[in-house]
Amino acid sequence: MKRSLLPLNALRAFDAAARHMSFKLAADDLSVTPAAISQQIRSLEDFLGVELFRRTNRSLVLTEAAQLSLAPLKEGFERMEEAVDILTESKTSNVLKVSVSPSFASKWLVPRLASYYERRPDAIVKISATMQITDFKAEDVDIAIRYGLGNYTGLYQEEILRETVFPVCAPELLEGQPDASSPCAILKHTLIHDDSTAEDDSVPTWAMWMKAAGVEVPEGMPALHFNNHALAIEAAVAGRGVLLARSAIAEEDLKAGRLVKPFGEAVPINFAHYIVCPEDKLKNERVQDFIDWIRSETGNQAAPIEE
């Protein structure tokens, strides 16, 4: 059948009536009257020469043929909606919507965005800083940067930055201490804890680091706890204590001299930062360009994405 002959309005009415099994609810869904739905169904049945509903005692029953048609019909409407979305997005092709954790946004992404705007001066970047995992089917998001183990089933994922952890503090915290670089010197200070990854055993804790460094921690040591690593970093910068910091989040403060790491070696962890998005988003030029920019910032040498 030629596409120009498809009775799209009648098919939409049938789809709504079949989903709700009610002409009234279908009418509410499509903002028309129940009589209009009934007329569209009759016209579609006449057009196809096939009965779609059996009407018994004020109830509707789908015929076998109608039931078999529902899945491909639903898929067809979804594909048309995707096509409309693509056409609509083309009007705002310079807009990029990025979901990212608050810590990574404030301490890594935002300080580097100037170089992205040098690359794309017409870009409009909309950042959603959240710890919630993005539901790409329900949310209007182009790409996400997530911190975890990389188990993002059904999505394109690319590791962009692996991390280590090490103790850091403000430089003034060490003033006047001759043995300031000894791991035991940490015991003179408040321990700042990042609880944001507390449920994962692969992320080192203060207890694990102290044990590896051969330091016995006395009970009742003063402590500060945060559920956001960027806040924990700010507390360390303010001289509130010593933090077991993640390398990517602490990098800018270390470069600027707001933090130092005198106490010991870095410890690798299994967590890393990943680019995550649906496979079809990779066909979008602005998504490709953003991923390439992230690669250039992290030194990731992954091959360019092919359409």
C-alpha atoms as a PDB file:
ATOM      1  CA  MET A   1       0.000   0.000   0.000  1.00  0.00           C
ATOM      2  CA  LYS A   2       1.281   3.470  -0.884  1.00  0.00           C
ATOM      3  CA  ARG A   3       2.241   5.639   2.081  1.00  0.00           C
ATOM      4  CA  SER A   4       0.045   8.460   0.768  1.00  0.00           C
ATOM      5  CA  LEU A   5      -3.000   6.170   1.149  1.00  0.00           C
ATOM      6  CA  LEU A   6      -2.408   5.285   4.794  1.00  0.00           C
ATOM      7  CA  PRO A   7      -5.289   6.589   6.963  1.00  0.00           C
ATOM      8  CA  LEU A   8      -3.043   7.892   9.736  1.00  0.00           C
ATOM      9  CA  ASN A   9      -5.781   9.599  11.776  1.00  0.00           C
ATOM     10  CA  ALA A  10      -7.871   6.446  11.786  1.00  0.00           C
ATOM     11  CA  LEU A  11      -4.837   4.336  12.714  1.00  0.00           C
ATOM     12  CA  ARG A  12      -4.061   6.715  15.580  1.00  0.00           C
ATOM     13  CA  ALA A  13      -7.660   6.393  16.804  1.00  0.00           C
ATOM     14  CA  PHE A  14      -7.419   2.585  16.612  1.00  0.00           C
ATOM     15  CA  ASP A  15      -4.111   2.601  18.509  1.00  0.00           C
ATOM     16  CA  ALA A  16      -5.584   4.735  21.297  1.00  0.00           C
ATOM     17  CA  ALA A  17      -8.797   2.681  21.505  1.00  0.00           C
ATOM     18  CA  ALA A  18      -6.830  -0.576  21.644  1.00  0.00           C
ATOM     19  CA  ARG A  19      -4.535   0.743  24.384  1.00  0.00           C
ATOM     20  CA  HIS A  20      -7.405   1.925  26.553  1.00  0.00           C
ATOM     21  CA  MET A  21     -10.032  -0.600  25.398  1.00  0.00           C
ATOM     22  CA  SER A  22     -12.424   2.318  25.564  1.00  0.00           C
ATOM     23  CA  PHE A  23     -13.591   4.833  22.970  1.00  0.00           C
ATOM     24  CA  LYS A  24     -14.180   7.405  25.710  1.00  0.00           C
ATOM     25  CA  LEU A  25     -10.659   7.137  27.133  1.00  0.00           C
ATOM     26  CA  ALA A  26      -9.213   7.115  23.615  1.00  0.00           C
ATOM     27  CA  ALA A  27     -11.174  10.297  22.899  1.00  0.00           C
ATOM     28  CA  ASP A  28      -9.768  11.930  26.047  1.00  0.00           C
ATOM     29  CA  ASP A  29      -6.271  10.874  24.994  1.00  0.00           C
ATOM     30  CA  LEU A  30      -6.620  12.427  21.516  1.00  0.00           C
ATOM     31  CA  SER A  31      -8.762  15.414  22.608  1.00  0.00           C
ATOM     32  CA  VAL A  32     -11.714  14.466  20.396  1.00  0.00           C
ATOM     33  CA  THR A  33     -15.202  13.110  21.066  1.00  0.00           C
ATOM     34  CA  PRO A  34     -16.045   9.399  21.532  1.00  0.00           C
ATOM     35  CA  ALA A  35     -18.253   9.693  18.448  1.00  0.00           C
ATOM     36  CA  ALA A  36     -15.240  10.815  16.421  1.00  0.00           C
ATOM     37  CA  ILE A  37     -13.256   7.789  17.619  1.00  0.00           C
ATOM     38  CA  SER A  38     -16.122   5.469  16.717  1.00  0.00           C
ATOM     39  CA  GLN A  39     -16.383   7.021  13.266  1.00  0.00           C
ATOM     40  CA  GLN A  40     -12.647   6.692  12.671  1.00  0.00           C
ATOM     41  CA  ILE A  41     -12.727   3.014  13.713  1.00  0.00           C
ATOM     42  CA  ARG A  42     -15.653   2.293  11.371  1.00  0.00           C
ATOM     43  CA  SER A  43     -13.922   4.071   8.488  1.00  0.00           C
ATOM     44  CA  LEU A  44     -10.727   2.083   9.127  1.00  0.00           C
ATOM     45  CA  GLU A  45     -12.657  -1.205   9.214  1.00  0.00           C
ATOM     46  CA  ASP A  46     -14.348  -0.265   5.918  1.00  0.00           C
ATOM     47  CA  PHE A  47     -11.017   0.762   4.401  1.00  0.00           C
ATOM     48  CA  LEU A  48      -9.294  -2.484   5.436  1.00  0.00           C
ATOM     49  CA  GLY A  49     -12.257  -4.795   5.059  1.00  0.00           C
ATOM     50  CA  VAL A  50     -11.381  -6.232   8.490  1.00  0.00           C
ATOM     51  CA  GLU A  51     -13.294  -6.137  11.770  1.00  0.00           C
ATOM     52  CA  LEU A  52     -11.164  -4.625  14.568  1.00  0.00           C
ATOM     53  CA  PHE A  53     -13.440  -4.724  17.619  1.00  0.00           C
ATOM     54  CA  ARG A  54     -16.335  -6.849  18.745  1.00  0.00           C
ATOM     55  CA  ARG A  55     -18.745  -4.815  20.843  1.00  0.00           C
ATOM     56  CA  THR A  56     -20.524  -6.820  23.566  1.00  0.00           C
ATOM     57  CA  ASN A  57     -22.442  -5.525  26.605  1.00  0.00           C
ATOM     58  CA  ARG A  58     -20.760  -2.101  26.618  1.00  0.00           C
ATOM     59  CA  SER A  59     -17.302  -3.660  26.368  1.00  0.00           C
ATOM     60  CA  LEU A  60     -14.767  -3.938  23.568  1.00  0.00           C
ATOM     61  CA  VAL A  61     -12.927  -7.086  22.511  1.00  0.00           C
ATOM     62  CA  LEU A  62     -10.085  -6.977  20.002  1.00  0.00           C
ATOM     63  CA  THR A  63     -10.297  -9.388  17.090  1.00  0.00           C
ATOM     64  CA  GLU A  64      -7.350 -11.678  16.444  1.00  0.00           C
ATOM     65  CA  ALA A  65      -6.229  -9.632  13.426  1.00  0.00           C
ATOM     66  CA  ALA A  66      -6.373  -6.442  15.462  1.00  0.00           C
ATOM     67  CA  GLN A  67      -4.294  -7.972  18.250  1.00  0.00           C
ATOM     68  CA  LEU A  68      -1.601  -9.091  15.782  1.00  0.00           C
ATOM     69  CA  SER A  69      -1.373  -5.591  14.316  1.00  0.00           C
ATOM     70  CA  LEU A  70      -0.836  -3.721  17.585  1.00  0.00           C
ATOM     71  CA  ALA A  71       2.911  -4.350  18.063  1.00  0.00           C
ATOM     72  CA  PRO A  72       4.023  -3.211  14.572  1.00  0.00           C
ATOM     73  CA  LEU A  73       1.556  -0.301  14.711  1.00  0.00           C
ATOM     74  CA  LYS A  74       2.977   0.847  18.049  1.00  0.00           C
ATOM     75  CA  GLU A  75       6.519   0.528  16.672  1.00  0.00           C
ATOM     76  CA  GLY A  76       5.523   2.513  13.586  1.00  0.00           C
ATOM     77  CA  PHE A  77       4.189   5.431  15.629  1.00  0.00           C
ATOM     78  CA  GLU A  78       7.289   5.385  17.844  1.00  0.00           C
ATOM     79  CA  ARG A  79       9.547   5.556  14.778  1.00  0.00           C
ATOM     80  CA  MET A  80       7.538   8.486  13.424  1.00  0.00           C
ATOM     81  CA  GLU A  81       7.918  10.262  16.774  1.00  0.00           C
ATOM     82  CA  GLU A  82      11.686   9.651  16.635  1.00  0.00           C
ATOM     83  CA  ALA A  83      11.771  11.165  13.147  1.00  0.00           C
ATOM     84  CA  VAL A  84       9.899  14.237  14.364  1.00  0.00           C
ATOM     85  CA  ASP A  85      12.320  14.553  17.305  1.00  0.00           C
ATOM     86  CA  ILE A  86      15.274  14.475  14.901  1.00  0.00           C
ATOM     87  CA  LEU A  87      13.698  17.154  12.722  1.00  0.00           C
ATOM     88  CA  THR A  88      12.901  19.278  15.765  1.00  0.00           C
ATOM     89  CA  GLU A  89      16.417  18.927  17.164  1.00  0.00           C
ATOM     90  CA  SER A  90      17.858  20.123  13.872  1.00  0.00           C
ATOM     91  CA  LYS A  91      16.499  23.591  14.685  1.00  0.00           C
ATOM     92  CA  THR A  92      18.609  23.713  17.848  1.00  0.00           C
ATOM     93  CA  SER A  93      21.607  21.671  16.725  1.00  0.00           C
ATOM     94  CA  ASN A  94      24.002  23.712  18.868  1.00  0.00           C
ATOM     95  CA  VAL A  95      22.328  22.617  22.121  1.00  0.00           C
ATOM     96  CA  LEU A  96      23.999  19.780  24.061  1.00  0.00           C
ATOM     97  CA  LYS A  97      22.396  18.347  27.191  1.00  0.00           C
ATOM     98  CA  VAL A  98      24.847  16.662  29.555  1.00  0.00           C
ATOM     99  CA  SER A  99      24.099  14.749  32.764  1.00  0.00           C
ATOM    100  CA  VAL A 100      27.036  14.523  35.184  1.00  0.00           C
ATOM    101  CA  SER A 101      27.692  14.043  38.889  1.00  0.00           C
ATOM    102  CA  PRO A 102      27.937  17.298  40.904  1.00  0.00           C
ATOM    103  CA  SER A 103      31.550  16.593  41.963  1.00  0.00           C
ATOM    104  CA  PHE A 104      32.798  15.936  38.438  1.00  0.00           C
ATOM    105  CA  ALA A 105      30.829  18.898  37.102  1.00  0.00           C
ATOM    106  CA  SER A 106      32.200  21.448  39.557  1.00  0.00           C
ATOM    107  CA  LYS A 107      35.775  20.188  39.874  1.00  0.00           C
ATOM    108  CA  TRP A 108      36.576  18.806  36.416  1.00  0.00           C
ATOM    109  CA  LEU A 109      34.071  19.667  33.691  1.00  0.00           C
ATOM    110  CA  VAL A 110      33.200  23.312  34.388  1.00  0.00           C
ATOM    111  CA  PRO A 111      36.829  24.503  34.782  1.00  0.00           C
ATOM    112  CA  ARG A 112      37.589  23.055  31.316  1.00  0.00           C
ATOM    113  CA  LEU A 113      34.525  24.261  29.419  1.00  0.00           C
ATOM    114  CA  ALA A 114      36.355  27.362  28.144  1.00  0.00           C
ATOM    115  CA  SER A 115      38.400  25.133  25.831  1.00  0.00           C
ATOM    116  CA  TYR A 116      35.214  23.498  24.558  1.00  0.00           C
ATOM    117  CA  TYR A 117      33.735  26.906  23.716  1.00  0.00           C
ATOM    118  CA  GLU A 118      36.926  27.777  21.867  1.00  0.00           C
ATOM    119  CA  ARG A 119      36.234  24.691  19.776  1.00  0.00           C
ATOM    120  CA  ARG A 120      32.485  25.341  19.479  1.00  0.00           C
ATOM    121  CA  PRO A 121      31.795  29.044  20.145  1.00  0.00           C
ATOM    122  CA  ASP A 122      28.151  28.623  19.087  1.00  0.00           C
ATOM    123  CA  ALA A 123      27.499  25.766  21.543  1.00  0.00           C
ATOM    124  CA  ILE A 124      24.799  25.867  24.195  1.00  0.00           C
ATOM    125  CA  VAL A 125      25.707  23.355  26.911  1.00  0.00           C
ATOM    126  CA  LYS A 126      22.988  22.481  29.402  1.00  0.00           C
ATOM    127  CA  ILE A 127      24.456  20.662  32.404  1.00  0.00           C
ATOM    128  CA  SER A 128      22.302  18.612  34.754  1.00  0.00           C
ATOM    129  CA  ALA A 129      24.372  17.934  37.888  1.00  0.00           C
ATOM    130  CA  THR A 130      22.854  14.885  39.541  1.00  0.00           C
ATOM    131  CA  MET A 131      23.803  11.575  41.125  1.00  0.00           C
ATOM    132  CA  GLN A 132      20.751   9.883  39.588  1.00  0.00           C
ATOM    133  CA  ILE A 133      21.363   7.424  36.757  1.00  0.00           C
ATOM    134  CA  THR A 134      19.998   8.917  33.540  1.00  0.00           C
ATOM    135  CA  ASP A 135      16.936   7.283  31.975  1.00  0.00           C
ATOM    136  CA  PHE A 136      17.570   8.237  28.356  1.00  0.00           C
ATOM    137  CA  LYS A 137      14.103   7.051  27.299  1.00  0.00           C
ATOM    138  CA  ALA A 138      12.347   9.310  29.790  1.00  0.00           C
ATOM    139  CA  GLU A 139      14.760  12.252  30.067  1.00  0.00           C
ATOM    140  CA  ASP A 140      15.837  14.814  27.507  1.00  0.00           C
ATOM    141  CA  VAL A 141      19.588  14.133  27.802  1.00  0.00           C
ATOM    142  CA  ASP A 142      22.139  13.692  25.005  1.00  0.00           C
ATOM    143  CA  ILE A 143      25.062  12.249  26.948  1.00  0.00           C
ATOM    144  CA  ALA A 144      26.022  11.372  30.525  1.00  0.00           C
ATOM    145  CA  ILE A 145      29.349  11.156  32.325  1.00  0.00           C
ATOM    146  CA  ARG A 146      29.135   8.621  35.114  1.00  0.00           C
ATOM    147  CA  TYR A 147      31.461   7.365  37.840  1.00  0.00           C
ATOM    148  CA  GLY A 148      31.307   3.644  38.446  1.00  0.00           C
ATOM    149  CA  LEU A 149      32.366   0.196  37.280  1.00  0.00           C
ATOM    150  CA  GLY A 150      31.132   0.549  33.716  1.00  0.00           C
ATOM    151  CA  ASN A 151      28.108  -1.732  33.904  1.00  0.00           C
ATOM    152  CA  TYR A 152      25.757   0.295  31.687  1.00  0.00           C
ATOM    153  CA  THR A 153      23.820  -2.393  29.843  1.00  0.00           C
ATOM    154  CA  GLY A 154      22.253  -1.471  26.514  1.00  0.00           C
ATOM    155  CA  LEU A 155      24.181   1.803  26.173  1.00  0.00           C
ATOM    156  CA  TYR A 156      27.349   2.957  24.480  1.00  0.00           C
ATOM    157  CA  GLN A 157      30.023   3.371  27.139  1.00  0.00           C
ATOM    158  CA  GLU A 158      33.628   4.506  26.980  1.00  0.00           C
ATOM    159  CA  GLU A 159      36.069   4.774  29.852  1.00  0.00           C
ATOM    160  CA  ILE A 160      37.598   8.245  29.771  1.00  0.00           C
ATOM    161  CA  LEU A 161      39.364   8.680  33.092  1.00  0.00           C
ATOM    162  CA  ARG A 162      40.567   6.156  35.652  1.00  0.00           C
ATOM    163  CA  GLU A 163      41.388   7.398  39.127  1.00  0.00           C
ATOM    164  CA  THR A 164      43.705   6.908  42.063  1.00  0.00           C
ATOM    165  CA  VAL A 165      43.220   8.028  45.669  1.00  0.00           C
ATOM    166  CA  PHE A 166      45.737   9.670  48.022  1.00  0.00           C
ATOM    167  CA  PRO A 167      45.696  11.843  51.168  1.00  0.00           C
ATOM    168  CA  VAL A 168      45.559  15.615  50.611  1.00  0.00           C
ATOM    169  CA  CYS A 169      45.339  18.673  52.822  1.00  0.00           C
ATOM    170  CA  ALA A 170      45.790  22.435  52.731  1.00  0.00           C
ATOM    171  CA  PRO A 171      49.515  23.391  52.793  1.00  0.00           C
ATOM    172  CA  GLU A 172      49.078  25.537  55.910  1.00  0.00           C
ATOM    173  CA  LEU A 173      47.998  22.450  57.832  1.00  0.00           C
ATOM    174  CA  LEU A 174      51.628  21.235  57.671  1.00  0.00           C
ATOM    175  CA  GLU A 175      53.310  24.429  58.819  1.00  0.00           C
ATOM    176  CA  GLY A 176      55.627  23.994  61.810  1.00  0.00           C
ATOM    177  CA  GLN A 177      55.530  20.169  61.686  1.00  0.00           C
ATOM    178  CA  PRO A 178      58.973  18.621  61.090  1.00  0.00           C
ATOM    179  CA  ASP A 179      57.569  15.168  60.352  1.00  0.00           C
ATOM    180  CA  ALA A 180      54.615  16.432  58.348  1.00  0.00           C
ATOM    181  CA  SER A 181      55.118  14.035  55.443  1.00  0.00           C
ATOM    182  CA  SER A 182      55.051  10.885  57.576  1.00  0.00           C
ATOM    183  CA  PRO A 183      51.840   8.846  57.319  1.00  0.00           C
ATOM    184  CA  CYS A 184      51.701   8.921  61.132  1.00  0.00           C
ATOM    185  CA  ALA A 185      51.412  12.729  60.949  1.00  0.00           C
ATOM    186  CA  ILE A 186      47.871  12.274  59.618  1.00  0.00           C
ATOM    187  CA  LEU A 187      46.824  11.202  63.125  1.00  0.00           C
ATOM    188  CA  LYS A 188      47.323  14.797  64.297  1.00  0.00           C
ATOM    189  CA  HIS A 189      44.493  15.976  62.054  1.00  0.00           C
ATOM    190  CA  THR A 190      40.778  15.489  61.516  1.00  0.00           C
ATOM    191  CA  LEU A 191      40.031  12.810  58.927  1.00  0.00           C
ATOM    192  CA  ILE A 192      37.631  13.943  56.185  1.00  0.00           C
ATOM    193  CA  HIS A 193      35.526  11.096  54.812  1.00  0.00           C
ATOM    194  CA  ASP A 194      33.814  10.849  51.413  1.00  0.00           C
ATOM    195  CA  ASP A 195      30.762   8.635  51.902  1.00  0.00           C
ATOM    196  CA  SER A 196      29.468   8.915  48.314  1.00  0.00           C
ATOM    197  CA  THR A 197      30.924   5.500  47.350  1.00  0.00           C
ATOM    198  CA  ALA A 198      30.660   3.870  50.768  1.00  0.00           C
ATOM    199  CA  GLU A 199      28.591   0.958  49.430  1.00  0.00           C
ATOM    200  CA  ASP A 200      31.331  -0.225  47.066  1.00  0.00           C
ATOM    201  CA  ASP A 201      34.095  -2.333  48.599  1.00  0.00           C
ATOM    202  CA  SER A 202      36.518  -1.589  45.742  1.00  0.00           C
ATOM    203  CA  VAL A 203      36.926   2.061  46.815  1.00  0.00           C
ATOM    204  CA  PRO A 204      39.610   2.442  49.521  1.00  0.00           C
ATOM    205  CA  THR A 205      38.585   3.924  52.856  1.00  0.00           C
ATOM    206  CA  TRP A 206      40.721   5.617  55.483  1.00  0.00           C
ATOM    207  CA  ALA A 207      40.844   2.351  57.427  1.00  0.00           C
ATOM    208  CA  MET A 208      42.159   0.497  54.367  1.00  0.00           C
ATOM    209  CA  TRP A 209      44.745   3.193  53.538  1.00  0.00           C
ATOM    210  CA  MET A 210      45.990   3.386  57.134  1.00  0.00           C
ATOM    211  CA  LYS A 211      46.369  -0.378  57.319  1.00  0.00           C
ATOM    212  CA  ALA A 212      48.369  -0.426  54.056  1.00  0.00           C
ATOM    213  CA  ALA A 213      50.561   2.418  55.356  1.00  0.00           C
ATOM    214  CA  GLY A 214      51.211   0.535  58.604  1.00  0.00           C
ATOM    215  CA  VAL A 215      49.480   3.160  60.739  1.00  0.00           C
ATOM    216  CA  GLU A 216      47.278   2.147  63.654  1.00  0.00           C
ATOM    217  CA  VAL A 217      44.324   4.489  64.023  1.00  0.00           C
ATOM    218  CA  PRO A 218      43.255   5.234  67.612  1.00  0.00           C
ATOM    219  CA  GLU A 219      39.573   5.132  68.447  1.00  0.00           C
ATOM    220  CA  GLY A 220      37.663   8.383  68.705  1.00  0.00           C
ATOM    221  CA  MET A 221      39.639  10.349  66.114  1.00  0.00           C
ATOM    222  CA  PRO A 222      37.842  13.559  65.041  1.00  0.00           C
ATOM    223  CA  ALA A 223      36.139  13.180  61.665  1.00  0.00           C
ATOM    224  CA  LEU A 224      34.071  15.019  59.058  1.00  0.00           C
ATOM    225  CA  HIS A 225      31.768  13.095  56.711  1.00  0.00           C
ATOM    226  CA  PHE A 226      30.363  14.238  53.347  1.00  0.00           C
ATOM    227  CA  ASN A 227      28.177  12.514  50.752  1.00  0.00           C
ATOM    228  CA  ASN A 228      29.675  14.601  47.938  1.00  0.00           C
ATOM    229  CA  HIS A 229      33.363  14.473  47.022  1.00  0.00           C
ATOM    230  CA  ALA A 230      33.508  18.100  45.870  1.00  0.00           C
ATOM    231  CA  LEU A 231      32.299  19.233  49.299  1.00  0.00           C
ATOM    232  CA  ALA A 232      34.914  17.030  50.949  1.00  0.00           C
ATOM    233  CA  ILE A 233      37.562  18.681  48.745  1.00  0.00           C
ATOM    234  CA  GLU A 234      36.370  22.137  49.779  1.00  0.00           C
ATOM    235  CA  ALA A 235      36.632  21.153  53.432  1.00  0.00           C
ATOM    236  CA  ALA A 236      40.231  20.036  52.859  1.00  0.00           C
ATOM    237  CA  VAL A 237      41.044  23.290  51.015  1.00  0.00           C
ATOM    238  CA  ALA A 238      39.616  25.207  53.977  1.00  0.00           C
ATOM    239  CA  GLY A 239      42.041  23.421  56.300  1.00  0.00           C
ATOM    240  CA  ARG A 240      39.423  21.366  58.099  1.00  0.00           C
ATOM    241  CA  GLY A 241      41.486  18.170  57.939  1.00  0.00           C
ATOM    242  CA  VAL A 242      43.024  15.524  55.672  1.00  0.00           C
ATOM    243  CA  LEU A 243      41.029  13.871  52.883  1.00  0.00           C
ATOM    244  CA  LEU A 244      41.580  10.644  50.954  1.00  0.00           C
ATOM    245  CA  ALA A 245      41.028  12.372  47.622  1.00  0.00           C
ATOM    246  CA  ARG A 246      40.163  11.113  44.139  1.00  0.00           C
ATOM    247  CA  SER A 247      42.710  12.253  41.559  1.00  0.00           C
ATOM    248  CA  ALA A 248      40.336  13.696  38.943  1.00  0.00           C
ATOM    249  CA  ILE A 249      38.368  15.746  41.459  1.00  0.00           C
ATOM    250  CA  ALA A 250      41.459  17.042  43.312  1.00  0.00           C
ATOM    251  CA  GLU A 251      43.529  17.816  40.198  1.00  0.00           C
ATOM    252  CA  GLU A 252      42.721  21.522  39.801  1.00  0.00           C
ATOM    253  CA  ASP A 253      43.210  22.304  43.506  1.00  0.00           C
ATOM    254  CA  LEU A 254      46.567  20.483  43.487  1.00  0.00           C
ATOM    255  CA  LYS A 255      47.728  22.426  40.430  1.00  0.00           C
ATOM    256  CA  ALA A 256      46.676  25.708  42.036  1.00  0.00           C
ATOM    257  CA  GLY A 257      48.503  24.872  45.271  1.00  0.00           C
ATOM    258  CA  ARG A 258      45.344  24.919  47.352  1.00  0.00           C
ATOM    259  CA  LEU A 259      46.038  21.286  48.232  1.00  0.00           C
ATOM    260  CA  VAL A 260      49.183  19.193  48.665  1.00  0.00           C
ATOM    261  CA  LYS A 261      49.658  15.414  48.853  1.00  0.00           C
ATOM    262  CA  PRO A 262      52.652  14.765  51.133  1.00  0.00           C
ATOM    263  CA  PHE A 263      51.592  11.635  52.979  1.00  0.00           C
ATOM    264  CA  GLY A 264      52.103   8.643  50.711  1.00  0.00           C
ATOM    265  CA  GLU A 265      51.623   6.846  47.419  1.00  0.00           C
ATOM    266  CA  ALA A 266      48.480   6.919  45.325  1.00  0.00           C
ATOM    267  CA  VAL A 267      46.281   3.809  45.363  1.00  0.00           C
ATOM    268  CA  PRO A 268      44.465   2.738  42.142  1.00  0.00           C
ATOM    269  CA  ILE A 269      40.741   1.982  42.338  1.00  0.00           C
ATOM    270  CA  ASN A 270      38.340   0.067  40.108  1.00  0.00           C
ATOM    271  CA  PHE A 271      35.957   2.985  39.639  1.00  0.00           C
ATOM    272  CA  ALA A 272      36.403   5.213  36.587  1.00  0.00           C
ATOM    273  CA  HIS A 273      34.566   7.964  34.723  1.00  0.00           C
ATOM    274  CA  TYR A 274      32.609   6.831  31.661  1.00  0.00           C
ATOM    275  CA  ILE A 275      30.896   8.489  28.745  1.00  0.00           C
ATOM    276  CA  VAL A 276      27.433   6.912  28.491  1.00  0.00           C
ATOM    277  CA  CYS A 277      24.722   7.414  25.871  1.00  0.00           C
ATOM    278  CA  PRO A 278      22.334   5.469  23.620  1.00  0.00           C
ATOM    279  CA  GLU A 279      23.960   4.135  20.452  1.00  0.00           C
ATOM    280  CA  ASP A 280      21.751   6.274  18.215  1.00  0.00           C
ATOM    281  CA  LYS A 281      23.024   9.446  19.907  1.00  0.00           C
ATOM    282  CA  LEU A 282      26.426   8.747  18.359  1.00  0.00           C
ATOM    283  CA  LYS A 283      24.963   9.784  15.001  1.00  0.00           C
ATOM    284  CA  ASN A 284      24.540  13.302  16.377  1.00  0.00           C
ATOM    285  CA  GLU A 285      27.396  15.578  15.288  1.00  0.00           C
ATOM    286  CA  ARG A 286      27.445  17.650  18.491  1.00  0.00           C
ATOM    287  CA  VAL A 287      27.591  14.495  20.639  1.00  0.00           C
ATOM    288  CA  GLN A 288      30.497  13.176  18.578  1.00  0.00           C
ATOM    289  CA  ASP A 289      32.305  16.504  18.900  1.00  0.00           C
ATOM    290  CA  PHE A 290      31.790  16.625  22.674  1.00  0.00           C
ATOM    291  CA  ILE A 291      33.140  13.084  23.061  1.00  0.00           C
ATOM    292  CA  ASP A 292      36.173  13.984  20.953  1.00  0.00           C
ATOM    293  CA  TRP A 293      36.760  17.032  23.163  1.00  0.00           C
ATOM    294  CA  ILE A 294      36.508  14.913  26.337  1.00  0.00           C
ATOM    295  CA  ARG A 295      39.058  12.518  24.824  1.00  0.00           C
ATOM    296  CA  SER A 296      41.448  15.368  24.103  1.00  0.00           C
ATOM    297  CA  GLU A 297      41.130  16.635  27.688  1.00  0.00           C
ATOM    298  CA  THR A 298      41.723  13.226  29.260  1.00  0.00           C
ATOM    299  CA  GLY A 299      44.364  11.990  26.803  1.00  0.00           C
ATOM    300  CA  ASN A 300      42.095   9.127  25.768  1.00  0.00           C
ATOM    301  CA  GLN A 301      43.244   7.804  22.397  1.00  0.00           C
ATOM    302  CA  ALA A 302      40.102   5.881  21.479  1.00  0.00           C
ATOM    303  CA  ALA A 303      39.303   5.653  17.785  1.00  0.00           C
ATOM    304  CA  PRO A 304      36.826   8.232  16.427  1.00  0.00           C
ATOM    305  CA  ILE A 305      33.205   7.140  16.480  1.00  0.00           C
ATOM    306  CA  GLU A 306      31.980   5.877  13.155  1.00  0.00           C
ATOM    307  CA  GLU A 307      28.448   6.583  12.016  1.00  0.00           C
END
